[in-house]
C-alpha atoms as a PDB file:
ATOM      1  CA  MET A   1     -57.454 -12.821  76.463  1.00  0.00           C
ATOM      2  CA  ILE A   2     -55.415 -10.202  78.156  1.00  0.00           C
ATOM      3  CA  THR A   3     -57.350  -8.083  80.597  1.00  0.00           C
ATOM      4  CA  PRO A   4     -55.292  -5.240  82.345  1.00  0.00           C
ATOM      5  CA  ASP A   5     -57.203  -5.112  85.229  1.00  0.00           C
ATOM      6  CA  ARG A   6     -56.929  -8.760  86.203  1.00  0.00           C
ATOM      7  CA  GLU A   7     -53.739 -11.030  86.631  1.00  0.00           C
ATOM      8  CA  GLY A   8     -51.150  -8.511  86.661  1.00  0.00           C
ATOM      9  CA  ALA A   9     -50.113  -5.836  84.097  1.00  0.00           C
ATOM     10  CA  ALA A  10     -51.168  -6.237  80.399  1.00  0.00           C
ATOM     11  CA  TYR A  11     -47.409  -6.521  79.280  1.00  0.00           C
ATOM     12  CA  ARG A  12     -46.684  -9.263  81.799  1.00  0.00           C
ATOM     13  CA  GLN A  13     -49.708 -11.308  80.566  1.00  0.00           C
ATOM     14  CA  LEU A  14     -48.406 -10.639  76.946  1.00  0.00           C
ATOM     15  CA  ALA A  15     -45.005 -12.133  77.798  1.00  0.00           C
ATOM     16  CA  ALA A  16     -46.674 -15.244  79.424  1.00  0.00           C
ATOM     17  CA  VAL A  17     -48.743 -15.745  76.150  1.00  0.00           C
ATOM     18  CA  LEU A  18     -45.707 -15.197  73.990  1.00  0.00           C
ATOM     19  CA  ARG A  19     -43.549 -17.197  76.525  1.00  0.00           C
ATOM     20  CA  ASP A  20     -46.361 -20.323  76.180  1.00  0.00           C
ATOM     21  CA  ARG A  21     -46.104 -20.123  72.323  1.00  0.00           C
ATOM     22  CA  ILE A  22     -42.378 -20.587  72.272  1.00  0.00           C
ATOM     23  CA  ARG A  23     -42.268 -23.389  74.890  1.00  0.00           C
ATOM     24  CA  ASN A  24     -44.960 -25.432  73.224  1.00  0.00           C
ATOM     25  CA  GLY A  25     -43.327 -24.898  69.692  1.00  0.00           C
ATOM     26  CA  ALA A  26     -45.922 -22.620  68.248  1.00  0.00           C
ATOM     27  CA  LEU A  27     -42.986 -19.989  67.819  1.00  0.00           C
ATOM     28  CA  PRO A  28     -40.032 -22.374  67.048  1.00  0.00           C
ATOM     29  CA  PRO A  29     -36.154 -21.401  67.495  1.00  0.00           C
ATOM     30  CA  GLY A  30     -35.190 -19.376  64.729  1.00  0.00           C
ATOM     31  CA  GLN A  31     -38.308 -18.289  63.766  1.00  0.00           C
ATOM     32  CA  ARG A  32     -39.099 -14.478  63.455  1.00  0.00           C
ATOM     33  CA  MET A  33     -41.312 -13.141  66.130  1.00  0.00           C
ATOM     34  CA  PRO A  34     -44.695 -11.403  64.995  1.00  0.00           C
ATOM     35  CA  SER A  35     -44.070  -7.678  64.650  1.00  0.00           C
ATOM     36  CA  GLU A  36     -45.197  -5.351  67.272  1.00  0.00           C
ATOM     37  CA  LYS A  37     -48.071  -4.177  64.847  1.00  0.00           C
ATOM     38  CA  ASP A  38     -49.021  -7.830  64.385  1.00  0.00           C
ATOM     39  CA  LEU A  39     -49.235  -8.209  68.099  1.00  0.00           C
ATOM     40  CA  HIS A  40     -50.818  -4.948  68.510  1.00  0.00           C
ATOM     41  CA  ASP A  41     -53.287  -5.927  66.118  1.00  0.00           C
ATOM     42  CA  GLU A  42     -53.963  -9.233  67.527  1.00  0.00           C
ATOM     43  CA  PHE A  43     -54.444  -8.125  71.319  1.00  0.00           C
ATOM     44  CA  GLY A  44     -55.587  -4.865  71.040  1.00  0.00           C
ATOM     45  CA  LEU A  45     -52.651  -3.474  73.242  1.00  0.00           C
ATOM     46  CA  ALA A  46     -50.781  -0.106  72.800  1.00  0.00           C
ATOM     47  CA  ARG A  47     -47.471  -0.337  71.054  1.00  0.00           C
ATOM     48  CA  GLU A  48     -45.536   0.382  74.365  1.00  0.00           C
ATOM     49  CA  THR A  49     -47.506  -2.288  76.031  1.00  0.00           C
ATOM     50  CA  VAL A  50     -46.201  -4.790  73.124  1.00  0.00           C
ATOM     51  CA  ARG A  51     -42.488  -3.587  73.615  1.00  0.00           C
ATOM     52  CA  ARG A  52     -42.400  -3.995  77.319  1.00  0.00           C
ATOM     53  CA  ALA A  53     -43.360  -7.556  76.833  1.00  0.00           C
ATOM     54  CA  MET A  54     -40.825  -8.360  74.340  1.00  0.00           C
ATOM     55  CA  ALA A  55     -38.501  -6.536  76.701  1.00  0.00           C
ATOM     56  CA  VAL A  56     -39.334  -9.389  79.365  1.00  0.00           C
ATOM     57  CA  LEU A  57     -38.868 -12.089  76.707  1.00  0.00           C
ATOM     58  CA  ARG A  58     -35.349 -10.769  75.599  1.00  0.00           C
ATOM     59  CA  GLN A  59     -34.236 -10.464  79.345  1.00  0.00           C
ATOM     60  CA  GLU A  60     -35.421 -14.103  79.985  1.00  0.00           C
ATOM     61  CA  GLY A  61     -33.252 -15.017  76.840  1.00  0.00           C
ATOM     62  CA  LEU A  62     -36.020 -16.299  74.997  1.00  0.00           C
ATOM     63  CA  ILE A  63     -35.726 -13.858  71.943  1.00  0.00           C
ATOM     64  CA  ASP A  64     -33.007 -12.121  70.063  1.00  0.00           C
ATOM     65  CA  ILE A  65     -33.210  -8.700  68.559  1.00  0.00           C
ATOM     66  CA  ARG A  66     -30.878  -8.568  65.129  1.00  0.00           C
ATOM     67  CA  GLN A  67     -30.803  -4.970  64.266  1.00  0.00           C
ATOM     68  CA  GLY A  68     -32.271  -4.458  60.843  1.00  0.00           C
ATOM     69  CA  HIS A  69     -33.393  -8.160  60.546  1.00  0.00           C
ATOM     70  CA  GLY A  70     -36.256  -8.594  63.260  1.00  0.00           C
ATOM     71  CA  THR A  71     -36.799 -10.271  66.661  1.00  0.00           C
ATOM     72  CA  PHE A  72     -36.324 -14.079  66.410  1.00  0.00           C
ATOM     73  CA  VAL A  73     -36.755 -16.819  68.878  1.00  0.00           C
ATOM     74  CA  VAL A  74     -33.567 -18.299  70.080  1.00  0.00           C
ATOM     75  CA  ASP A  75     -32.955 -21.902  70.833  1.00  0.00           C
ATOM     76  CA  THR A  76     -33.592 -22.463  74.621  1.00  0.00           C
ATOM     77  CA  PRO A  77     -32.073 -24.553  77.085  1.00  0.00           C
ATOM     78  CA  PRO A  78     -34.013 -27.530  78.264  1.00  0.00           C
ATOM     79  CA  ARG A  79     -36.088 -27.051  81.416  1.00  0.00           C
ATOM     80  CA  VAL A  80     -34.446 -28.438  84.401  1.00  0.00           C
ATOM     81  CA  GLU A  81     -35.815 -29.544  87.565  1.00  0.00           C
ATOM     82  CA  LEU A  82     -33.553 -28.942  90.803  1.00  0.00           C
ATOM     83  CA  SER A  83     -33.637 -30.421  94.098  1.00  0.00           C
ATOM     84  CA  PRO A  84     -32.916 -29.217  97.465  1.00  0.00           C
ATOM     85  CA  GLY A  85     -29.313 -28.087  97.595  1.00  0.00           C
ATOM     86  CA  ASP A  86     -28.894 -28.061  93.783  1.00  0.00           C
ATOM     87  CA  SER A  87     -27.368 -24.959  92.153  1.00  0.00           C
ATOM     88  CA  VAL A  88     -27.368 -23.928  88.692  1.00  0.00           C
ATOM     89  CA  THR A  89     -25.580 -20.761  86.849  1.00  0.00           C
ATOM     90  CA  SER A  90     -26.008 -19.673  83.461  1.00  0.00           C
ATOM     91  CA  SER A  91     -24.087 -17.642  81.021  1.00  0.00           C
ATOM     92  CA  ALA A  92     -27.307 -16.378  79.341  1.00  0.00           C
ATOM     93  CA  GLY A  93     -29.511 -15.438  82.014  1.00  0.00           C
ATOM     94  CA  LEU A  94     -32.077 -17.659  84.190  1.00  0.00           C
ATOM     95  CA  THR A  95     -35.919 -18.108  83.866  1.00  0.00           C
ATOM     96  CA  VAL A  96     -37.354 -19.554  86.857  1.00  0.00           C
ATOM     97  CA  THR A  97     -40.987 -21.068  87.316  1.00  0.00           C
ATOM     98  CA  ARG A  98     -41.664 -20.832  91.089  1.00  0.00           C
ATOM     99  CA  ALA A  99     -44.141 -23.674  92.365  1.00  0.00           C
ATOM    100  CA  ASP A 100     -47.039 -21.069  92.421  1.00  0.00           C
ATOM    101  CA  GLY A 101     -46.742 -20.512  88.970  1.00  0.00           C
ATOM    102  CA  GLU A 102     -44.981 -16.806  88.771  1.00  0.00           C
ATOM    103  CA  VAL A 103     -41.769 -16.488  86.638  1.00  0.00           C
ATOM    104  CA  GLU A 104     -38.747 -14.838  87.757  1.00  0.00           C
ATOM    105  CA  THR A 105     -35.588 -13.654  85.548  1.00  0.00           C
ATOM    106  CA  TYR A 106     -32.144 -13.304  86.698  1.00  0.00           C
ATOM    107  CA  PRO A 107     -29.082 -11.914  84.628  1.00  0.00           C
ATOM    108  CA  ALA A 108     -26.312 -13.563  83.059  1.00  0.00           C
ATOM    109  CA  GLY A 109     -23.766 -15.006  85.849  1.00  0.00           C
ATOM    110  CA  THR A 110     -26.499 -15.363  88.763  1.00  0.00           C
ATOM    111  CA  THR A 111     -26.158 -18.347  90.620  1.00  0.00           C
ATOM    112  CA  LEU A 112     -29.246 -19.765  92.245  1.00  0.00           C
ATOM    113  CA  THR A 113     -29.412 -22.583  94.746  1.00  0.00           C
ATOM    114  CA  VAL A 114     -32.624 -24.436  96.016  1.00  0.00           C
ATOM    115  CA  ALA A 115     -33.108 -23.981  99.546  1.00  0.00           C
ATOM    116  CA  ASP A 116     -33.268 -27.102 101.710  1.00  0.00           C
END
């Protein structure tokens, strides 16, 4: 359940729910994402809140909007565990889950190095 007054903004909570569905296979690669209306109906959130959540997932490289066709789950790269001193660069952007559970996104071409 999404509660706008707890655990962050409602759009971030919705993005987290959808991200989990993508990662656990409930929304597999190539599948069309639920429409804004469907998500509005399911979660009772304003359409602008749904749009902001979808924008987060797009920025993270988890979904792709195909003009005139809809929004689809992309084939995501495997998760990688990094050790201190390791670096990673992605051409499609990076999504990082910190030890405290917070998710950060970085644009394509960003190189991250794990601190020692």
